[in-house]
Amino acid sequence: MTIGMIQSLQGIQNSQTQFNKAAEKIAQWPGSNTAAVDQVDLSAQAIALIQSKNSFEANVQALRLAMR
């Protein structure tokens, strides 16, 4: 396995982690605990979801190129 493939796989894993964190925060809204709701910035979490999607796609493309 080449270094480029390893980095791409790590990037995919990082994207998944970022996506899961943002999804967990979004799932807290609206919650029964109003203090938790006040701490969730939906626009920031939506941006995090988009960034994780873009990062995932870029790493998948890099992985495809590394496999050629």
N, C-alpha and C. Protein backbone atom coordinates (compact mmCIF):
# COMPACT_ATOMS: atom_id res chain seq x y z
N MET A 1 0.85 -1.17 0.00
CA MET A 1 0.00 0.00 0.00
C MET A 1 0.90 1.24 0.00
N THR A 2 0.63 2.18 -0.87
CA THR A 2 1.46 3.37 -0.97
C THR A 2 1.06 4.40 0.08
N ILE A 3 1.94 5.36 0.28
CA ILE A 3 1.69 6.42 1.26
C ILE A 3 0.43 7.21 0.88
N GLY A 4 0.25 7.46 -0.41
CA GLY A 4 -0.93 8.19 -0.87
C GLY A 4 -2.22 7.46 -0.53
N MET A 5 -2.20 6.15 -0.63
CA MET A 5 -3.39 5.36 -0.30
C MET A 5 -3.66 5.42 1.20
N ILE A 6 -2.61 5.32 1.99
CA ILE A 6 -2.76 5.37 3.44
C ILE A 6 -3.31 6.72 3.87
N GLN A 7 -2.78 7.79 3.30
CA GLN A 7 -3.25 9.13 3.64
C GLN A 7 -4.72 9.32 3.23
N SER A 8 -5.08 8.79 2.08
CA SER A 8 -6.47 8.89 1.62
C SER A 8 -7.41 8.13 2.55
N LEU A 9 -7.01 6.95 2.97
CA LEU A 9 -7.83 6.17 3.89
C LEU A 9 -7.96 6.86 5.25
N GLN A 10 -6.88 7.47 5.72
CA GLN A 10 -6.95 8.23 6.96
C GLN A 10 -7.85 9.45 6.81
N GLY A 11 -7.78 10.09 5.65
CA GLY A 11 -8.65 11.23 5.38
C GLY A 11 -10.12 10.83 5.36
N ILE A 12 -10.41 9.67 4.79
CA ILE A 12 -11.79 9.17 4.77
C ILE A 12 -12.26 8.91 6.20
N GLN A 13 -11.39 8.32 7.01
CA GLN A 13 -11.75 8.05 8.40
C GLN A 13 -11.97 9.36 9.16
N ASN A 14 -11.12 10.35 8.93
CA ASN A 14 -11.29 11.66 9.57
C ASN A 14 -12.60 12.32 9.14
N SER A 15 -12.95 12.17 7.88
CA SER A 15 -14.21 12.72 7.38
C SER A 15 -15.40 12.08 8.08
N GLN A 16 -15.31 10.78 8.27
CA GLN A 16 -16.39 10.07 8.96
C GLN A 16 -16.52 10.55 10.40
N THR A 17 -15.41 10.74 11.07
CA THR A 17 -15.42 11.22 12.45
C THR A 17 -16.05 12.61 12.52
N GLN A 18 -15.65 13.51 11.61
CA GLN A 18 -16.20 14.86 11.58
C GLN A 18 -17.69 14.82 11.31
N PHE A 19 -18.11 13.99 10.38
CA PHE A 19 -19.53 13.86 10.05
C PHE A 19 -20.31 13.37 11.27
N ASN A 20 -19.80 12.34 11.94
CA ASN A 20 -20.50 11.78 13.10
C ASN A 20 -20.63 12.79 14.24
N LYS A 21 -19.58 13.59 14.48
CA LYS A 21 -19.64 14.61 15.53
C LYS A 21 -20.71 15.65 15.21
N ALA A 22 -20.73 16.10 13.96
CA ALA A 22 -21.73 17.10 13.57
C ALA A 22 -23.14 16.52 13.66
N ALA A 23 -23.31 15.28 13.23
CA ALA A 23 -24.62 14.64 13.29
C ALA A 23 -25.09 14.47 14.73
N GLU A 24 -24.18 14.14 15.63
CA GLU A 24 -24.55 14.01 17.05
C GLU A 24 -25.02 15.35 17.62
N LYS A 25 -24.33 16.42 17.27
CA LYS A 25 -24.73 17.74 17.76
C LYS A 25 -26.09 18.15 17.20
N ILE A 26 -26.31 17.86 15.93
CA ILE A 26 -27.61 18.18 15.33
C ILE A 26 -28.71 17.37 15.99
N ALA A 27 -28.42 16.12 16.33
CA ALA A 27 -29.41 15.27 16.97
C ALA A 27 -29.81 15.79 18.35
N GLN A 28 -28.98 16.60 18.97
CA GLN A 28 -29.29 17.18 20.27
C GLN A 28 -30.32 18.30 20.17
N TRP A 29 -30.58 18.77 18.98
CA TRP A 29 -31.48 19.90 18.79
C TRP A 29 -32.76 19.45 18.13
N PRO A 30 -33.94 19.79 18.53
CA PRO A 30 -34.23 20.35 19.85
C PRO A 30 -34.31 19.23 20.88
N GLY A 31 -33.70 19.42 21.98
CA GLY A 31 -33.71 18.42 23.04
C GLY A 31 -34.52 18.89 24.22
N SER A 32 -34.68 18.03 25.16
CA SER A 32 -35.45 18.39 26.35
C SER A 32 -34.66 19.33 27.24
N ASN A 33 -33.35 19.32 27.10
CA ASN A 33 -32.49 20.17 27.90
C ASN A 33 -32.24 21.46 27.12
N THR A 34 -32.83 22.56 27.56
CA THR A 34 -32.71 23.82 26.81
C THR A 34 -31.28 24.34 26.80
N ALA A 35 -30.49 24.02 27.82
CA ALA A 35 -29.09 24.46 27.84
C ALA A 35 -28.32 23.81 26.69
N ALA A 36 -28.60 22.53 26.42
CA ALA A 36 -27.93 21.84 25.32
C ALA A 36 -28.35 22.42 23.98
N VAL A 37 -29.63 22.78 23.87
CA VAL A 37 -30.15 23.35 22.62
C VAL A 37 -29.47 24.68 22.33
N ASP A 38 -29.28 25.49 23.37
CA ASP A 38 -28.64 26.79 23.19
C ASP A 38 -27.20 26.67 22.71
N GLN A 39 -26.57 25.54 22.98
CA GLN A 39 -25.17 25.36 22.62
C GLN A 39 -24.99 24.79 21.21
N VAL A 40 -26.07 24.40 20.56
CA VAL A 40 -25.97 23.80 19.23
C VAL A 40 -26.19 24.89 18.18
N ASP A 41 -25.18 25.14 17.37
CA ASP A 41 -25.26 26.09 16.27
C ASP A 41 -25.52 25.29 15.00
N LEU A 42 -26.77 25.27 14.57
CA LEU A 42 -27.14 24.43 13.43
C LEU A 42 -26.41 24.83 12.15
N SER A 43 -26.20 26.11 11.94
CA SER A 43 -25.51 26.52 10.71
C SER A 43 -24.06 26.04 10.73
N ALA A 44 -23.41 26.09 11.87
CA ALA A 44 -22.03 25.60 11.96
C ALA A 44 -21.99 24.09 11.74
N GLN A 45 -22.98 23.39 12.24
CA GLN A 45 -23.00 21.93 12.05
C GLN A 45 -23.33 21.56 10.61
N ALA A 46 -24.18 22.35 9.95
CA ALA A 46 -24.47 22.11 8.54
C ALA A 46 -23.20 22.31 7.71
N ILE A 47 -22.44 23.33 8.04
CA ILE A 47 -21.17 23.58 7.35
C ILE A 47 -20.21 22.41 7.59
N ALA A 48 -20.17 21.90 8.82
CA ALA A 48 -19.29 20.76 9.14
C ALA A 48 -19.69 19.53 8.34
N LEU A 49 -21.00 19.32 8.15
CA LEU A 49 -21.46 18.19 7.34
C LEU A 49 -21.01 18.33 5.89
N ILE A 50 -21.13 19.53 5.35
CA ILE A 50 -20.72 19.78 3.97
C ILE A 50 -19.22 19.60 3.82
N GLN A 51 -18.46 20.12 4.79
CA GLN A 51 -17.00 19.98 4.74
C GLN A 51 -16.59 18.51 4.81
N SER A 52 -17.26 17.75 5.67
CA SER A 52 -16.91 16.33 5.78
C SER A 52 -17.25 15.59 4.49
N LYS A 53 -18.36 15.95 3.85
CA LYS A 53 -18.73 15.34 2.57
C LYS A 53 -17.69 15.66 1.50
N ASN A 54 -17.29 16.92 1.43
CA ASN A 54 -16.29 17.33 0.43
C ASN A 54 -14.95 16.66 0.68
N SER A 55 -14.56 16.57 1.94
CA SER A 55 -13.31 15.90 2.29
C SER A 55 -13.36 14.43 1.93
N PHE A 56 -14.48 13.79 2.22
CA PHE A 56 -14.66 12.37 1.88
C PHE A 56 -14.51 12.17 0.38
N GLU A 57 -15.21 12.99 -0.40
CA GLU A 57 -15.17 12.85 -1.86
C GLU A 57 -13.75 13.08 -2.41
N ALA A 58 -13.06 14.06 -1.86
CA ALA A 58 -11.69 14.33 -2.31
C ALA A 58 -10.77 13.17 -1.99
N ASN A 59 -10.92 12.59 -0.82
CA ASN A 59 -10.08 11.46 -0.44
C ASN A 59 -10.40 10.21 -1.24
N VAL A 60 -11.65 10.00 -1.57
CA VAL A 60 -12.02 8.87 -2.42
C VAL A 60 -11.39 9.04 -3.80
N GLN A 61 -11.44 10.25 -4.33
CA GLN A 61 -10.85 10.50 -5.64
C GLN A 61 -9.33 10.30 -5.61
N ALA A 62 -8.69 10.76 -4.55
CA ALA A 62 -7.25 10.57 -4.40
C ALA A 62 -6.92 9.08 -4.30
N LEU A 63 -7.74 8.34 -3.58
CA LEU A 63 -7.54 6.89 -3.46
C LEU A 63 -7.68 6.21 -4.81
N ARG A 64 -8.67 6.62 -5.59
CA ARG A 64 -8.83 6.04 -6.93
C ARG A 64 -7.61 6.31 -7.79
N LEU A 65 -7.08 7.53 -7.72
CA LEU A 65 -5.88 7.86 -8.51
C LEU A 65 -4.67 7.07 -8.04
N ALA A 66 -4.56 6.87 -6.73
CA ALA A 66 -3.42 6.12 -6.19
C ALA A 66 -3.47 4.66 -6.58
N MET A 67 -4.66 4.14 -6.86
CA MET A 67 -4.82 2.73 -7.21
C MET A 67 -4.54 2.46 -8.69
N ARG A 68 -4.41 3.50 -9.49
CA ARG A 68 -4.17 3.32 -10.92
C ARG A 68 -2.77 2.87 -11.19
